[in-house]
């Protein structure tokens, strides 16, 4: 966020608002990327490709008809609606 806004406002004012020392910001920028960050950079294009291939859907796939495990719930729902 600071890197994005620093050209317009400068690092010091942004750090003041965030209650963060400017030296902390610059020290963080000097550190090498963590193993998690490196792995995330590998996975993001793969996850994005799957998301695009699925029509930009997220979560469990939708079934055109009720799943067999949902049948009891569906039947009880209809029974309750009948009174």
Protein backbone atom coordinates (compact mmCIF):
# COMPACT_ATOMS: atom_id res chain seq x y z
CA UNK A 1 0.00 0.00 0.00
CA UNK A 2 2.77 2.42 0.89
CA UNK A 3 4.58 1.62 -2.35
CA UNK A 4 1.41 2.38 -4.29
CA UNK A 5 0.72 5.71 -2.57
CA UNK A 6 4.24 6.97 -1.96
CA UNK A 7 4.58 8.86 -5.26
CA UNK A 8 1.55 10.97 -4.45
CA UNK A 9 2.07 11.53 -0.74
CA UNK A 10 5.58 10.44 0.27
CA UNK A 11 6.58 7.67 2.64
CA UNK A 12 6.76 9.74 5.85
CA UNK A 13 3.16 11.06 5.84
CA UNK A 14 1.75 7.62 4.99
CA UNK A 15 3.78 5.97 7.74
CA UNK A 16 2.61 8.63 10.20
CA UNK A 17 -1.05 7.88 9.40
CA UNK A 18 -0.42 4.13 9.68
CA UNK A 19 1.56 4.65 12.90
CA UNK A 20 4.53 2.89 11.36
CA UNK A 21 8.15 3.93 11.43
CA UNK A 22 9.55 4.77 7.96
CA UNK A 23 12.64 2.72 8.84
CA UNK A 24 10.38 -0.32 9.32
CA UNK A 25 8.95 0.18 5.84
CA UNK A 26 12.38 0.46 4.22
CA UNK A 27 13.75 -2.50 6.21
CA UNK A 28 10.83 -4.64 5.03
CA UNK A 29 11.49 -3.70 1.41
CA UNK A 30 15.11 -4.85 1.79
CA UNK A 31 14.20 -8.33 3.10
CA UNK A 32 14.15 -11.25 0.67
CA UNK A 33 10.78 -12.81 -0.12
CA UNK A 34 9.63 -15.55 2.22
CA UNK A 35 9.09 -19.14 1.10
CA UNK A 36 5.35 -18.55 1.37
CA UNK A 37 5.48 -15.47 -0.86
CA UNK A 38 7.52 -17.36 -3.45
CA UNK A 39 5.07 -20.29 -3.41
CA UNK A 40 2.09 -17.91 -3.67
CA UNK A 41 3.66 -16.30 -6.74
CA UNK A 42 3.85 -19.76 -8.33
CA UNK A 43 0.29 -20.69 -7.43
CA UNK A 44 -1.53 -17.47 -8.33
CA UNK A 45 -1.29 -18.00 -12.12
CA UNK A 46 -2.45 -21.63 -11.74
CA UNK A 47 -5.40 -20.74 -9.53
CA UNK A 48 -6.32 -17.85 -11.83
CA UNK A 49 -6.27 -20.18 -14.86
CA UNK A 50 -8.60 -22.67 -13.14
CA UNK A 51 -10.89 -19.82 -12.11
CA UNK A 52 -11.00 -18.49 -15.68
CA UNK A 53 -11.63 -21.99 -17.10
CA UNK A 54 -14.54 -22.48 -14.70
CA UNK A 55 -16.28 -19.35 -15.92
CA UNK A 56 -15.00 -17.30 -12.99
CA UNK A 57 -16.95 -19.32 -10.44
CA UNK A 58 -15.73 -19.91 -6.93
CA UNK A 59 -16.55 -22.64 -4.46
CA UNK A 60 -18.26 -25.99 -4.80
CA UNK A 61 -19.61 -26.92 -8.22
CA UNK A 62 -23.32 -26.46 -8.72
CA UNK A 63 -25.35 -29.48 -9.71
CA UNK A 64 -28.30 -29.18 -12.10
CA UNK A 65 -30.25 -31.64 -9.95
CA UNK A 66 -30.10 -32.34 -6.22
CA UNK A 67 -27.13 -34.33 -5.04
CA UNK A 68 -28.10 -37.75 -3.56
CA UNK A 69 -26.79 -36.76 -0.11
CA UNK A 70 -29.09 -33.75 -0.18
CA UNK A 71 -32.15 -35.85 -0.99
CA UNK A 72 -33.24 -36.39 2.65
CA UNK A 73 -33.02 -32.68 3.35
CA UNK A 74 -34.93 -31.88 0.18
CA UNK A 75 -37.63 -34.45 1.01
CA UNK A 76 -38.01 -33.18 4.56
CA UNK A 77 -38.27 -29.64 3.27
CA UNK A 78 -41.13 -30.65 0.94
CA UNK A 79 -42.82 -32.57 3.78
CA UNK A 80 -42.65 -29.52 6.05
CA UNK A 81 -44.09 -27.33 3.30
CA UNK A 82 -47.05 -29.69 2.88
CA UNK A 83 -47.97 -29.14 6.53
